[in-house]
Amino acid sequence: MNQTTAKIEEIKRPELAGFDMQKATQLPEPRGWRILIAIPEVDETTVGGVIKADITKHIEQTSTVIGLVLKMGDSCYKDANRFGEDAEPWCKEGDFVLTGAYKGVRFNIYGKEFRIINDDTVQAVVEDPRGYSRV
């Protein structure tokens, strides 16, 4: 398992990254049409191996367009006026989604960043989040 694959597994299974699952019970329950996503940690180095400055990592983390869907509110994708009568959900728990930069309510729990976004801000589901960055 390479380093990037390991990081993806850590996002999907936080206990692999040493994230105390007891603390994970503090994750909020999104209500209504809101979705809770985890933000992947940024790489410490560039593709060329140069160590990134702390401010660079902060900007990348803050402006990321990728998140992992952890929980969905009970009204997600159920508004017939917005999504149609027989609309399929745009995403599900466990999906990596593409959303706008700086979208949602940002917060940290024990140093791990999460966001709560609206269901209609999901732009796409991505199979492999590696390599995505905001332009």
Protein backbone atom coordinates (compact mmCIF):
# COMPACT_ATOMS: atom_id res chain seq x y z
CA MET A 1 0.00 0.00 0.00
CA ASN A 2 1.59 3.30 -1.08
CA GLN A 3 1.51 6.45 1.05
CA THR A 4 -1.40 8.08 -0.80
CA THR A 5 -3.52 4.93 -0.65
CA ALA A 6 -2.76 4.70 3.07
CA LYS A 7 -3.94 8.29 3.57
CA ILE A 8 -7.20 7.54 1.77
CA GLU A 9 -7.72 4.52 4.02
CA GLU A 10 -7.02 6.73 7.06
CA ILE A 11 -9.78 9.11 5.94
CA LYS A 12 -12.22 6.27 5.42
CA ARG A 13 -11.13 4.52 8.62
CA PRO A 14 -9.83 7.17 11.05
CA GLU A 15 -8.72 4.56 13.59
CA LEU A 16 -5.90 3.66 11.16
CA ALA A 17 -4.48 7.17 11.58
CA GLY A 18 -4.53 6.91 15.34
CA PHE A 19 -7.77 8.91 15.51
CA ASP A 20 -9.45 7.87 18.73
CA MET A 21 -12.82 6.43 17.72
CA GLN A 22 -14.14 7.40 21.16
CA LYS A 23 -13.61 10.99 20.07
CA ALA A 24 -15.39 10.26 16.79
CA THR A 25 -18.66 10.01 18.71
CA GLN A 26 -18.44 13.79 18.97
CA LEU A 27 -19.15 14.17 15.27
CA PRO A 28 -22.31 16.20 14.76
CA GLU A 29 -25.45 14.70 13.24
CA PRO A 30 -26.32 16.72 10.15
CA ARG A 31 -29.98 17.76 10.02
CA GLY A 32 -32.28 18.34 7.09
CA TRP A 33 -30.54 18.59 3.74
CA ARG A 34 -27.03 18.91 5.15
CA ILE A 35 -24.09 16.55 4.68
CA LEU A 36 -21.12 16.01 7.01
CA ILE A 37 -17.83 15.53 5.15
CA ALA A 38 -14.28 14.87 6.32
CA ILE A 39 -11.53 16.85 4.65
CA PRO A 40 -8.50 14.85 3.49
CA GLU A 41 -5.16 15.87 4.96
CA VAL A 42 -2.86 17.62 2.49
CA ASP A 43 0.47 16.11 1.51
CA GLU A 44 3.53 17.38 3.36
CA THR A 45 5.56 17.63 0.15
CA THR A 46 5.04 18.62 -3.46
CA VAL A 47 5.09 16.04 -6.26
CA GLY A 48 8.76 16.94 -6.72
CA GLY A 49 9.55 16.26 -3.06
CA VAL A 50 9.84 19.85 -1.83
CA ILE A 51 8.55 20.30 1.72
CA LYS A 52 5.55 22.63 1.74
CA ALA A 53 5.44 25.68 4.01
CA ASP A 54 2.81 25.62 6.77
CA ILE A 55 0.91 28.49 5.12
CA THR A 56 0.80 26.56 1.83
CA LYS A 57 -0.61 23.49 3.57
CA HIS A 58 -3.17 25.67 5.37
CA ILE A 59 -4.33 27.29 2.12
CA GLU A 60 -4.61 23.90 0.40
CA GLN A 61 -6.56 22.45 3.34
CA THR A 62 -8.91 25.44 3.55
CA SER A 63 -9.61 25.68 -0.17
CA THR A 64 -9.90 21.96 -0.93
CA VAL A 65 -12.68 20.84 -3.24
CA ILE A 66 -12.73 17.18 -2.11
CA GLY A 67 -14.45 15.63 0.91
CA LEU A 68 -15.49 12.22 2.18
CA VAL A 69 -19.21 11.88 2.98
CA LEU A 70 -19.56 10.66 6.56
CA LYS A 71 -23.21 11.35 7.38
CA MET A 72 -26.26 12.69 5.60
CA GLY A 73 -29.27 14.51 7.03
CA ASP A 74 -32.68 12.87 6.83
CA SER A 75 -33.95 15.26 4.13
CA CYS A 76 -31.02 15.01 1.69
CA TYR A 77 -32.21 14.83 -1.91
CA LYS A 78 -35.86 14.43 -0.88
CA ASP A 79 -37.09 17.88 -1.94
CA ALA A 80 -39.12 17.18 -5.08
CA ASN A 81 -39.08 20.88 -6.05
CA ARG A 82 -35.28 20.92 -6.15
CA PHE A 83 -34.45 17.39 -7.31
CA GLY A 84 -37.60 16.00 -8.97
CA GLU A 85 -40.10 13.39 -7.84
CA ASP A 86 -38.00 10.30 -8.50
CA ALA A 87 -34.56 11.85 -8.04
CA GLU A 88 -31.69 9.59 -7.03
CA PRO A 89 -29.34 10.94 -4.35
CA TRP A 90 -26.28 12.58 -5.85
CA CYS A 91 -23.99 10.83 -3.34
CA LYS A 92 -24.00 8.42 -0.41
CA GLU A 93 -22.02 7.85 2.77
CA GLY A 94 -18.51 6.71 1.91
CA ASP A 95 -18.31 8.64 -1.38
CA PHE A 96 -15.62 11.18 -2.12
CA VAL A 97 -17.37 14.27 -3.48
CA LEU A 98 -16.30 17.34 -5.39
CA THR A 99 -17.74 20.56 -4.03
CA GLY A 100 -16.92 24.25 -4.27
CA ALA A 101 -13.91 25.64 -2.46
CA TYR A 102 -14.69 27.27 0.89
CA LYS A 103 -18.22 25.79 0.91
CA GLY A 104 -20.00 24.83 4.08
CA VAL A 105 -19.43 25.27 7.78
CA ARG A 106 -15.79 24.46 8.60
CA PHE A 107 -14.75 23.11 12.00
CA ASN A 108 -12.07 20.99 13.64
CA ILE A 109 -12.40 18.17 16.14
CA TYR A 110 -9.09 17.22 17.75
CA GLY A 111 -7.18 18.72 14.85
CA LYS A 112 -9.15 16.96 12.09
CA GLU A 113 -11.12 19.22 9.71
CA PHE A 114 -14.76 18.57 8.85
CA ARG A 115 -17.45 20.52 7.01
CA ILE A 116 -21.18 20.54 6.83
CA ILE A 117 -22.39 21.31 3.32
CA ASN A 118 -25.80 21.53 1.67
CA ASP A 119 -26.86 18.59 -0.48
CA ASP A 120 -27.10 20.75 -3.61
CA THR A 121 -23.45 21.86 -3.36
CA VAL A 122 -22.21 18.39 -4.34
CA GLN A 123 -20.94 18.75 -7.90
CA ALA A 124 -19.71 15.21 -8.56
CA VAL A 125 -18.66 11.92 -7.00
CA VAL A 126 -15.03 10.97 -7.60
CA GLU A 127 -13.71 7.44 -7.43
CA ASP A 128 -10.14 8.40 -6.50
CA PRO A 129 -9.56 11.76 -4.76
CA ARG A 130 -5.81 11.76 -5.37
CA GLY A 131 -4.51 14.52 -7.58
CA TYR A 132 -7.48 16.85 -7.25
CA SER A 133 -6.74 20.46 -6.40
CA ARG A 134 -8.41 23.80 -6.73
CA VAL A 135 -7.30 25.89 -9.72
